[in-house]
């Protein structure tokens, strides 16, 4: 399956992407920037490091998920608040 990060941002729910290694993480940041994504404070993705799990938001931003987000990602929960948690293995999505 191959697609854009914008397509992921359009999914109904909270989208978390797993970035398995340096290549995948750096590829994600470059692709996000090329598609016009920024961090919430306007910083370009390639100006920061990736984290193992990152969130993609409907408003064209990405963010780190922090400790609570990592627990939610790893717990198998299907919901975060009232939104479905969508887990994406970015290297598989981007094949």
PDB file of N, CA and C in Angstrom:
ATOM      1  N   UNK A   1       0.855  -1.180   0.000  1.00  0.00           N
ATOM      2  CA  UNK A   1       0.000   0.000   0.000  1.00  0.00           C
ATOM      3  C   UNK A   1       0.892   1.232   0.000  1.00  0.00           C
ATOM      4  N   UNK A   2       0.628   2.147  -0.872  1.00  0.00           N
ATOM      5  CA  UNK A   2       1.411   3.373  -0.909  1.00  0.00           C
ATOM      6  C   UNK A   2       0.469   4.557  -0.978  1.00  0.00           C
ATOM      7  N   UNK A   3       0.789   5.565  -0.229  1.00  0.00           N
ATOM      8  CA  UNK A   3      -0.072   6.729  -0.236  1.00  0.00           C
ATOM      9  C   UNK A   3       0.631   7.936   0.326  1.00  0.00           C
ATOM     10  N   UNK A   4      -0.133   9.007   0.404  1.00  0.00           N
ATOM     11  CA  UNK A   4       0.425  10.255   0.904  1.00  0.00           C
ATOM     12  C   UNK A   4       0.099  10.435   2.384  1.00  0.00           C
ATOM     13  N   UNK A   5       0.855  11.295   3.010  1.00  0.00           N
ATOM     14  CA  UNK A   5       0.576  11.641   4.398  1.00  0.00           C
ATOM     15  C   UNK A   5      -0.723  12.438   4.461  1.00  0.00           C
ATOM     16  N   UNK A   6      -1.007  13.224   3.437  1.00  0.00           N
ATOM     17  CA  UNK A   6      -2.280  13.959   3.385  1.00  0.00           C
ATOM     18  C   UNK A   6      -3.460  12.994   3.407  1.00  0.00           C
ATOM     19  N   UNK A   7      -3.327  11.869   2.725  1.00  0.00           N
ATOM     20  CA  UNK A   7      -4.396  10.858   2.759  1.00  0.00           C
ATOM     21  C   UNK A   7      -4.590  10.335   4.179  1.00  0.00           C
ATOM     22  N   UNK A   8      -3.498  10.135   4.893  1.00  0.00           N
ATOM     23  CA  UNK A   8      -3.603   9.675   6.277  1.00  0.00           C
ATOM     24  C   UNK A   8      -4.281  10.734   7.141  1.00  0.00           C
ATOM     25  N   UNK A   9      -3.951  12.002   6.896  1.00  0.00           N
ATOM     26  CA  UNK A   9      -4.538  13.093   7.680  1.00  0.00           C
ATOM     27  C   UNK A   9      -6.041  13.194   7.477  1.00  0.00           C
ATOM     28  N   UNK A  10      -6.529  12.695   6.360  1.00  0.00           N
ATOM     29  CA  UNK A  10      -7.957  12.757   6.058  1.00  0.00           C
ATOM     30  C   UNK A  10      -8.753  11.612   6.665  1.00  0.00           C
ATOM     31  N   UNK A  11      -8.063  10.614   7.226  1.00  0.00           N
ATOM     32  CA  UNK A  11      -8.773   9.494   7.846  1.00  0.00           C
ATOM     33  C   UNK A  11      -9.567   9.981   9.053  1.00  0.00           C
ATOM     34  N   UNK A  12     -10.658   9.333   9.301  1.00  0.00           N
ATOM     35  CA  UNK A  12     -11.534   9.694  10.418  1.00  0.00           C
ATOM     36  C   UNK A  12     -10.983   9.068  11.691  1.00  0.00           C
ATOM     37  N   UNK A  13     -10.397   9.856  12.553  1.00  0.00           N
ATOM     38  CA  UNK A  13      -9.828   9.359  13.797  1.00  0.00           C
ATOM     39  C   UNK A  13      -8.491  10.020  14.081  1.00  0.00           C
ATOM     40  N   UNK A  14      -7.809   9.484  15.080  1.00  0.00           N
ATOM     41  CA  UNK A  14      -6.490   9.987  15.493  1.00  0.00           C
ATOM     42  C   UNK A  14      -5.451   9.086  14.864  1.00  0.00           C
ATOM     43  N   UNK A  15      -4.609   9.627  13.970  1.00  0.00           N
ATOM     44  CA  UNK A  15      -3.655   8.830  13.206  1.00  0.00           C
ATOM     45  C   UNK A  15      -2.277   8.896  13.851  1.00  0.00           C
ATOM     46  N   UNK A  16      -1.779   7.725  14.252  1.00  0.00           N
ATOM     47  CA  UNK A  16      -0.426   7.595  14.789  1.00  0.00           C
ATOM     48  C   UNK A  16       0.374   6.746  13.806  1.00  0.00           C
ATOM     49  N   UNK A  17       1.555   7.228  13.432  1.00  0.00           N
ATOM     50  CA  UNK A  17       2.424   6.453  12.551  1.00  0.00           C
ATOM     51  C   UNK A  17       3.623   5.938  13.344  1.00  0.00           C
ATOM     52  N   UNK A  18       3.946   4.680  13.091  1.00  0.00           N
ATOM     53  CA  UNK A  18       5.119   4.061  13.698  1.00  0.00           C
ATOM     54  C   UNK A  18       6.267   4.188  12.708  1.00  0.00           C
ATOM     55  N   UNK A  19       7.375   4.728  13.191  1.00  0.00           N
ATOM     56  CA  UNK A  19       8.568   4.944  12.365  1.00  0.00           C
ATOM     57  C   UNK A  19       9.647   4.005  12.890  1.00  0.00           C
ATOM     58  N   UNK A  20       9.826   2.889  12.207  1.00  0.00           N
ATOM     59  CA  UNK A  20      10.579   1.750  12.721  1.00  0.00           C
ATOM     60  C   UNK A  20      12.079   1.963  12.870  1.00  0.00           C
ATOM     61  N   UNK A  21      12.655   2.876  12.090  1.00  0.00           N
ATOM     62  CA  UNK A  21      14.107   3.062  12.149  1.00  0.00           C
ATOM     63  C   UNK A  21      14.470   4.424  11.580  1.00  0.00           C
ATOM     64  N   UNK A  22      15.775   4.733  11.550  1.00  0.00           N
ATOM     65  CA  UNK A  22      16.228   6.046  11.075  1.00  0.00           C
ATOM     66  C   UNK A  22      15.796   6.336   9.646  1.00  0.00           C
ATOM     67  N   UNK A  23      15.929   5.361   8.764  1.00  0.00           N
ATOM     68  CA  UNK A  23      15.553   5.597   7.374  1.00  0.00           C
ATOM     69  C   UNK A  23      14.066   5.924   7.273  1.00  0.00           C
ATOM     70  N   UNK A  24      13.236   5.122   7.909  1.00  0.00           N
ATOM     71  CA  UNK A  24      11.789   5.333   7.844  1.00  0.00           C
ATOM     72  C   UNK A  24      11.426   6.675   8.479  1.00  0.00           C
ATOM     73  N   UNK A  25      12.020   6.979   9.633  1.00  0.00           N
ATOM     74  CA  UNK A  25      11.730   8.234  10.321  1.00  0.00           C
ATOM     75  C   UNK A  25      12.125   9.444   9.502  1.00  0.00           C
ATOM     76  N   UNK A  26      13.304   9.398   8.927  1.00  0.00           N
ATOM     77  CA  UNK A  26      13.763  10.530   8.120  1.00  0.00           C
ATOM     78  C   UNK A  26      12.982  10.647   6.811  1.00  0.00           C
ATOM     79  N   UNK A  27      12.620   9.497   6.215  1.00  0.00           N
ATOM     80  CA  UNK A  27      11.774   9.520   5.020  1.00  0.00           C
ATOM     81  C   UNK A  27      10.420  10.161   5.339  1.00  0.00           C
ATOM     82  N   UNK A  28       9.853   9.814   6.493  1.00  0.00           N
ATOM     83  CA  UNK A  28       8.571  10.390   6.906  1.00  0.00           C
ATOM     84  C   UNK A  28       8.675  11.911   7.029  1.00  0.00           C
ATOM     85  N   UNK A  29       9.710  12.388   7.702  1.00  0.00           N
ATOM     86  CA  UNK A  29       9.873  13.836   7.882  1.00  0.00           C
ATOM     87  C   UNK A  29      10.043  14.551   6.539  1.00  0.00           C
ATOM     88  N   UNK A  30      10.830  13.980   5.640  1.00  0.00           N
ATOM     89  CA  UNK A  30      11.025  14.598   4.324  1.00  0.00           C
ATOM     90  C   UNK A  30       9.717  14.620   3.524  1.00  0.00           C
ATOM     91  N   UNK A  31       8.990  13.510   3.556  1.00  0.00           N
ATOM     92  CA  UNK A  31       7.732  13.441   2.822  1.00  0.00           C
ATOM     93  C   UNK A  31       6.703  14.407   3.420  1.00  0.00           C
ATOM     94  N   UNK A  32       6.630  14.452   4.754  1.00  0.00           N
ATOM     95  CA  UNK A  32       5.691  15.372   5.408  1.00  0.00           C
ATOM     96  C   UNK A  32       5.984  16.811   4.998  1.00  0.00           C
ATOM     97  N   UNK A  33       7.247  17.170   4.993  1.00  0.00           N
ATOM     98  CA  UNK A  33       7.621  18.533   4.601  1.00  0.00           C
ATOM     99  C   UNK A  33       7.280  18.793   3.129  1.00  0.00           C
ATOM    100  N   UNK A  34       7.564  17.845   2.264  1.00  0.00           N
ATOM    101  CA  UNK A  34       7.265  18.005   0.841  1.00  0.00           C
ATOM    102  C   UNK A  34       5.766  18.173   0.597  1.00  0.00           C
ATOM    103  N   UNK A  35       4.947  17.579   1.471  1.00  0.00           N
ATOM    104  CA  UNK A  35       3.494  17.683   1.344  1.00  0.00           C
ATOM    105  C   UNK A  35       2.934  18.904   2.078  1.00  0.00           C
ATOM    106  N   UNK A  36       3.814  19.723   2.659  1.00  0.00           N
ATOM    107  CA  UNK A  36       3.374  20.963   3.293  1.00  0.00           C
ATOM    108  C   UNK A  36       3.051  20.876   4.774  1.00  0.00           C
ATOM    109  N   UNK A  37       3.365  19.765   5.407  1.00  0.00           N
ATOM    110  CA  UNK A  37       3.111  19.632   6.847  1.00  0.00           C
ATOM    111  C   UNK A  37       4.164  20.396   7.641  1.00  0.00           C
ATOM    112  N   UNK A  38       3.776  20.845   8.815  1.00  0.00           N
ATOM    113  CA  UNK A  38       4.692  21.469   9.776  1.00  0.00           C
ATOM    114  C   UNK A  38       4.355  20.924  11.157  1.00  0.00           C
ATOM    115  N   UNK A  39       5.202  21.248  12.112  1.00  0.00           N
ATOM    116  CA  UNK A  39       4.823  21.051  13.505  1.00  0.00           C
ATOM    117  C   UNK A  39       3.839  22.165  13.856  1.00  0.00           C
ATOM    118  N   UNK A  40       3.135  22.032  14.943  1.00  0.00           N
ATOM    119  CA  UNK A  40       2.124  23.007  15.336  1.00  0.00           C
ATOM    120  C   UNK A  40       2.647  24.426  15.475  1.00  0.00           C
ATOM    121  N   UNK A  41       3.928  24.564  15.779  1.00  0.00           N
ATOM    122  CA  UNK A  41       4.520  25.900  15.935  1.00  0.00           C
ATOM    123  C   UNK A  41       5.119  26.432  14.635  1.00  0.00           C
ATOM    124  N   UNK A  42       4.849  25.733  13.519  1.00  0.00           N
ATOM    125  CA  UNK A  42       5.311  26.194  12.215  1.00  0.00           C
ATOM    126  C   UNK A  42       6.672  25.689  11.787  1.00  0.00           C
ATOM    127  N   UNK A  43       7.365  24.961  12.648  1.00  0.00           N
ATOM    128  CA  UNK A  43       8.697  24.450  12.304  1.00  0.00           C
ATOM    129  C   UNK A  43       8.558  23.335  11.264  1.00  0.00           C
ATOM    130  N   UNK A  44       9.447  23.359  10.264  1.00  0.00           N
ATOM    131  CA  UNK A  44       9.441  22.334   9.230  1.00  0.00           C
ATOM    132  C   UNK A  44       9.847  20.988   9.829  1.00  0.00           C
ATOM    133  N   UNK A  45       9.237  19.896   9.347  1.00  0.00           N
ATOM    134  CA  UNK A  45       9.547  18.572   9.891  1.00  0.00           C
ATOM    135  C   UNK A  45      11.030  18.224   9.900  1.00  0.00           C
ATOM    136  N   UNK A  46      11.761  18.553   8.837  1.00  0.00           N
ATOM    137  CA  UNK A  46      13.172  18.158   8.777  1.00  0.00           C
ATOM    138  C   UNK A  46      14.071  18.973   9.696  1.00  0.00           C
ATOM    139  N   UNK A  47      13.518  19.975  10.351  1.00  0.00           N
ATOM    140  CA  UNK A  47      14.303  20.758  11.296  1.00  0.00           C
ATOM    141  C   UNK A  47      14.280  20.149  12.698  1.00  0.00           C
ATOM    142  N   UNK A  48      13.553  19.056  12.860  1.00  0.00           N
ATOM    143  CA  UNK A  48      13.496  18.338  14.138  1.00  0.00           C
ATOM    144  C   UNK A  48      13.736  16.863  13.894  1.00  0.00           C
ATOM    145  N   UNK A  49      13.995  16.152  14.969  1.00  0.00           N
ATOM    146  CA  UNK A  49      14.156  14.702  14.898  1.00  0.00           C
ATOM    147  C   UNK A  49      12.794  14.031  14.920  1.00  0.00           C
ATOM    148  N   UNK A  50      12.749  12.854  14.344  1.00  0.00           N
ATOM    149  CA  UNK A  50      11.523  12.064  14.413  1.00  0.00           C
ATOM    150  C   UNK A  50      11.477  11.337  15.760  1.00  0.00           C
ATOM    151  N   UNK A  51      10.296  10.855  16.116  1.00  0.00           N
ATOM    152  CA  UNK A  51      10.127   9.973  17.269  1.00  0.00           C
ATOM    153  C   UNK A  51       9.583   8.650  16.745  1.00  0.00           C
ATOM    154  N   UNK A  52       9.669   7.612  17.536  1.00  0.00           N
ATOM    155  CA  UNK A  52       9.216   6.291  17.107  1.00  0.00           C
ATOM    156  C   UNK A  52       7.749   6.301  16.680  1.00  0.00           C
ATOM    157  N   UNK A  53       6.922   7.064  17.384  1.00  0.00           N
ATOM    158  CA  UNK A  53       5.515   7.208  17.031  1.00  0.00           C
ATOM    159  C   UNK A  53       5.205   8.695  16.954  1.00  0.00           C
ATOM    160  N   UNK A  54       4.562   9.091  15.855  1.00  0.00           N
ATOM    161  CA  UNK A  54       4.189  10.491  15.677  1.00  0.00           C
ATOM    162  C   UNK A  54       2.740  10.561  15.231  1.00  0.00           C
ATOM    163  N   UNK A  55       2.111  11.689  15.524  1.00  0.00           N
ATOM    164  CA  UNK A  55       0.713  11.898  15.143  1.00  0.00           C
ATOM    165  C   UNK A  55       0.643  12.760  13.897  1.00  0.00           C
ATOM    166  N   UNK A  56      -0.339  12.460  13.061  1.00  0.00           N
ATOM    167  CA  UNK A  56      -0.654  13.255  11.874  1.00  0.00           C
ATOM    168  C   UNK A  56      -2.025  13.868  12.124  1.00  0.00           C
ATOM    169  N   UNK A  57      -2.126  15.170  11.933  1.00  0.00           N
ATOM    170  CA  UNK A  57      -3.358  15.887  12.264  1.00  0.00           C
ATOM    171  C   UNK A  57      -4.066  16.408  11.026  1.00  0.00           C
ATOM    172  N   UNK A  58      -5.394  16.553  11.144  1.00  0.00           N
ATOM    173  CA  UNK A  58      -6.239  17.016  10.039  1.00  0.00           C
ATOM    174  C   UNK A  58      -5.851  18.413   9.556  1.00  0.00           C
ATOM    175  N   UNK A  59      -5.226  19.215  10.416  1.00  0.00           N
ATOM    176  CA  UNK A  59      -4.913  20.606  10.068  1.00  0.00           C
ATOM    177  C   UNK A  59      -3.562  20.788   9.371  1.00  0.00           C
ATOM    178  N   UNK A  60      -2.957  19.681   8.925  1.00  0.00           N
ATOM    179  CA  UNK A  60      -1.688  19.780   8.212  1.00  0.00           C
ATOM    180  C   UNK A  60      -0.481  19.884   9.122  1.00  0.00           C
ATOM    181  N   UNK A  61      -0.638  19.453  10.371  1.00  0.00           N
ATOM    182  CA  UNK A  61       0.490  19.446  11.300  1.00  0.00           C
ATOM    183  C   UNK A  61       0.801  18.012  11.730  1.00  0.00           C
ATOM    184  N   UNK A  62       2.018  17.844  12.225  1.00  0.00           N
ATOM    185  CA  UNK A  62       2.429  16.599  12.863  1.00  0.00           C
ATOM    186  C   UNK A  62       2.877  16.951  14.271  1.00  0.00           C
ATOM    187  N   UNK A  63       2.893  15.948  15.145  1.00  0.00           N
ATOM    188  CA  UNK A  63       3.396  16.197  16.492  1.00  0.00           C
ATOM    189  C   UNK A  63       3.898  14.909  17.134  1.00  0.00           C
ATOM    190  N   UNK A  64       4.721  15.105  18.161  1.00  0.00           N
ATOM    191  CA  UNK A  64       5.162  13.994  18.989  1.00  0.00           C
ATOM    192  C   UNK A  64       3.984  13.580  19.866  1.00  0.00           C
ATOM    193  N   UNK A  65       3.891  12.298  20.198  1.00  0.00           N
ATOM    194  CA  UNK A  65       2.748  11.837  20.990  1.00  0.00           C
ATOM    195  C   UNK A  65       3.010  11.825  22.489  1.00  0.00           C
ATOM    196  N   UNK A  66       4.245  11.858  22.922  1.00  0.00           N
ATOM    197  CA  UNK A  66       4.557  11.872  24.347  1.00  0.00           C
ATOM    198  C   UNK A  66       4.292  10.526  25.011  1.00  0.00           C
ATOM    199  N   UNK A  67       4.480  10.489  26.317  1.00  0.00           N
ATOM    200  CA  UNK A  67       4.375   9.236  27.072  1.00  0.00           C
ATOM    201  C   UNK A  67       2.963   8.664  27.046  1.00  0.00           C
ATOM    202  N   UNK A  68       1.962   9.501  27.207  1.00  0.00           N
ATOM    203  CA  UNK A  68       0.577   9.021  27.216  1.00  0.00           C
ATOM    204  C   UNK A  68       0.214   8.459  25.841  1.00  0.00           C
ATOM    205  N   UNK A  69       0.628   9.138  24.786  1.00  0.00           N
ATOM    206  CA  UNK A  69       0.372   8.654  23.437  1.00  0.00           C
ATOM    207  C   UNK A  69       1.065   7.332  23.160  1.00  0.00           C
ATOM    208  N   UNK A  70       2.286   7.183  23.648  1.00  0.00           N
ATOM    209  CA  UNK A  70       3.004   5.914  23.484  1.00  0.00           C
ATOM    210  C   UNK A  70       2.288   4.791  24.219  1.00  0.00           C
ATOM    211  N   UNK A  71       1.783   5.078  25.416  1.00  0.00           N
ATOM    212  CA  UNK A  71       1.029   4.060  26.154  1.00  0.00           C
ATOM    213  C   UNK A  71      -0.234   3.681  25.395  1.00  0.00           C
ATOM    214  N   UNK A  72      -0.933   4.664  24.864  1.00  0.00           N
ATOM    215  CA  UNK A  72      -2.154   4.387  24.093  1.00  0.00           C
ATOM    216  C   UNK A  72      -1.811   3.556  22.857  1.00  0.00           C
ATOM    217  N   UNK A  73      -0.748   3.921  22.168  1.00  0.00           N
ATOM    218  CA  UNK A  73      -0.347   3.206  20.960  1.00  0.00           C
ATOM    219  C   UNK A  73      -0.049   1.743  21.285  1.00  0.00           C
ATOM    220  N   UNK A  74       0.690   1.519  22.346  1.00  0.00           N
ATOM    221  CA  UNK A  74       1.111   0.169  22.690  1.00  0.00           C
ATOM    222  C   UNK A  74       0.071  -0.668  23.412  1.00  0.00           C
ATOM    223  N   UNK A  75      -0.969  -0.038  23.912  1.00  0.00           N
ATOM    224  CA  UNK A  75      -1.936  -0.756  24.752  1.00  0.00           C
ATOM    225  C   UNK A  75      -2.951  -1.568  23.971  1.00  0.00           C
ATOM    226  N   UNK A  76      -3.105  -1.266  22.708  1.00  0.00           N
ATOM    227  CA  UNK A  76      -4.127  -1.951  21.929  1.00  0.00           C
ATOM    228  C   UNK A  76      -5.481  -1.270  21.996  1.00  0.00           C
ATOM    229  N   UNK A  77      -5.568  -0.143  22.720  1.00  0.00           N
ATOM    230  CA  UNK A  77      -6.836   0.571  22.799  1.00  0.00           C
ATOM    231  C   UNK A  77      -7.299   0.968  21.399  1.00  0.00           C
ATOM    232  N   UNK A  78      -8.585   1.036  21.226  1.00  0.00           N
ATOM    233  CA  UNK A  78      -9.140   1.407  19.925  1.00  0.00           C
ATOM    234  C   UNK A  78      -9.571   2.864  19.872  1.00  0.00           C
ATOM    235  N   UNK A  79      -9.605   3.526  21.033  1.00  0.00           N
ATOM    236  CA  UNK A  79     -10.092   4.902  21.080  1.00  0.00           C
ATOM    237  C   UNK A  79      -9.152   5.779  21.904  1.00  0.00           C
ATOM    238  N   UNK A  80      -9.049   7.043  21.499  1.00  0.00           N
ATOM    239  CA  UNK A  80      -8.420   8.080  22.311  1.00  0.00           C
ATOM    240  C   UNK A  80      -9.503   9.133  22.475  1.00  0.00           C
ATOM    241  N   UNK A  81     -10.001   9.259  23.688  1.00  0.00           N
ATOM    242  CA  UNK A  81     -11.148  10.137  23.902  1.00  0.00           C
ATOM    243  C   UNK A  81     -12.311   9.602  23.092  1.00  0.00           C
ATOM    244  N   UNK A  82     -12.868  10.429  22.239  1.00  0.00           N
ATOM    245  CA  UNK A  82     -13.991   9.983  21.415  1.00  0.00           C
ATOM    246  C   UNK A  82     -13.578   9.707  19.966  1.00  0.00           C
ATOM    247  N   UNK A  83     -12.262   9.577  19.715  1.00  0.00           N
ATOM    248  CA  UNK A  83     -11.767   9.330  18.361  1.00  0.00           C
ATOM    249  C   UNK A  83     -11.120   7.951  18.271  1.00  0.00           C
ATOM    250  N   UNK A  84     -11.336   7.308  17.138  1.00  0.00           N
ATOM    251  CA  UNK A  84     -10.696   6.032  16.868  1.00  0.00           C
ATOM    252  C   UNK A  84      -9.193   6.245  16.723  1.00  0.00           C
ATOM    253  N   UNK A  85      -8.400   5.362  17.322  1.00  0.00           N
ATOM    254  CA  UNK A  85      -6.946   5.401  17.157  1.00  0.00           C
ATOM    255  C   UNK A  85      -6.580   4.533  15.955  1.00  0.00           C
ATOM    256  N   UNK A  86      -5.967   5.162  14.962  1.00  0.00           N
ATOM    257  CA  UNK A  86      -5.560   4.479  13.742  1.00  0.00           C
ATOM    258  C   UNK A  86      -4.049   4.339  13.775  1.00  0.00           C
ATOM    259  N   UNK A  87      -3.571   3.108  13.767  1.00  0.00           N
ATOM    260  CA  UNK A  87      -2.137   2.827  13.807  1.00  0.00           C
ATOM    261  C   UNK A  87      -1.646   2.497  12.401  1.00  0.00           C
ATOM    262  N   UNK A  88      -0.605   3.184  11.966  1.00  0.00           N
ATOM    263  CA  UNK A  88      -0.033   2.968  10.632  1.00  0.00           C
ATOM    264  C   UNK A  88       1.447   2.626  10.783  1.00  0.00           C
ATOM    265  N   UNK A  89       1.850   1.531  10.170  1.00  0.00           N
ATOM    266  CA  UNK A  89       3.282   1.210  10.036  1.00  0.00           C
ATOM    267  C   UNK A  89       3.742   1.952   8.784  1.00  0.00           C
ATOM    268  N   UNK A  90       4.461   3.053   8.978  1.00  0.00           N
ATOM    269  CA  UNK A  90       4.757   3.927   7.849  1.00  0.00           C
ATOM    270  C   UNK A  90       5.564   3.244   6.768  1.00  0.00           C
ATOM    271  N   UNK A  91       6.496   2.371   7.123  1.00  0.00           N
ATOM    272  CA  UNK A  91       7.291   1.709   6.091  1.00  0.00           C
ATOM    273  C   UNK A  91       6.427   0.807   5.217  1.00  0.00           C
ATOM    274  N   UNK A  92       5.386   0.224   5.764  1.00  0.00           N
ATOM    275  CA  UNK A  92       4.473  -0.617   4.976  1.00  0.00           C
ATOM    276  C   UNK A  92       3.533   0.271   4.138  1.00  0.00           C
ATOM    277  N   UNK A  93       3.044   1.363   4.720  1.00  0.00           N
ATOM    278  CA  UNK A  93       2.162   2.298   4.021  1.00  0.00           C
ATOM    279  C   UNK A  93       2.876   2.917   2.822  1.00  0.00           C
ATOM    280  N   UNK A  94       4.148   3.143   2.977  1.00  0.00           N
ATOM    281  CA  UNK A  94       4.907   3.898   1.990  1.00  0.00           C
ATOM    282  C   UNK A  94       5.695   3.004   1.026  1.00  0.00           C
ATOM    283  N   UNK A  95       5.347   1.731   0.940  1.00  0.00           N
ATOM    284  CA  UNK A  95       6.069   0.813   0.054  1.00  0.00           C
ATOM    285  C   UNK A  95       5.777   1.110  -1.399  1.00  0.00           C
TER     286      UNK A  95
END
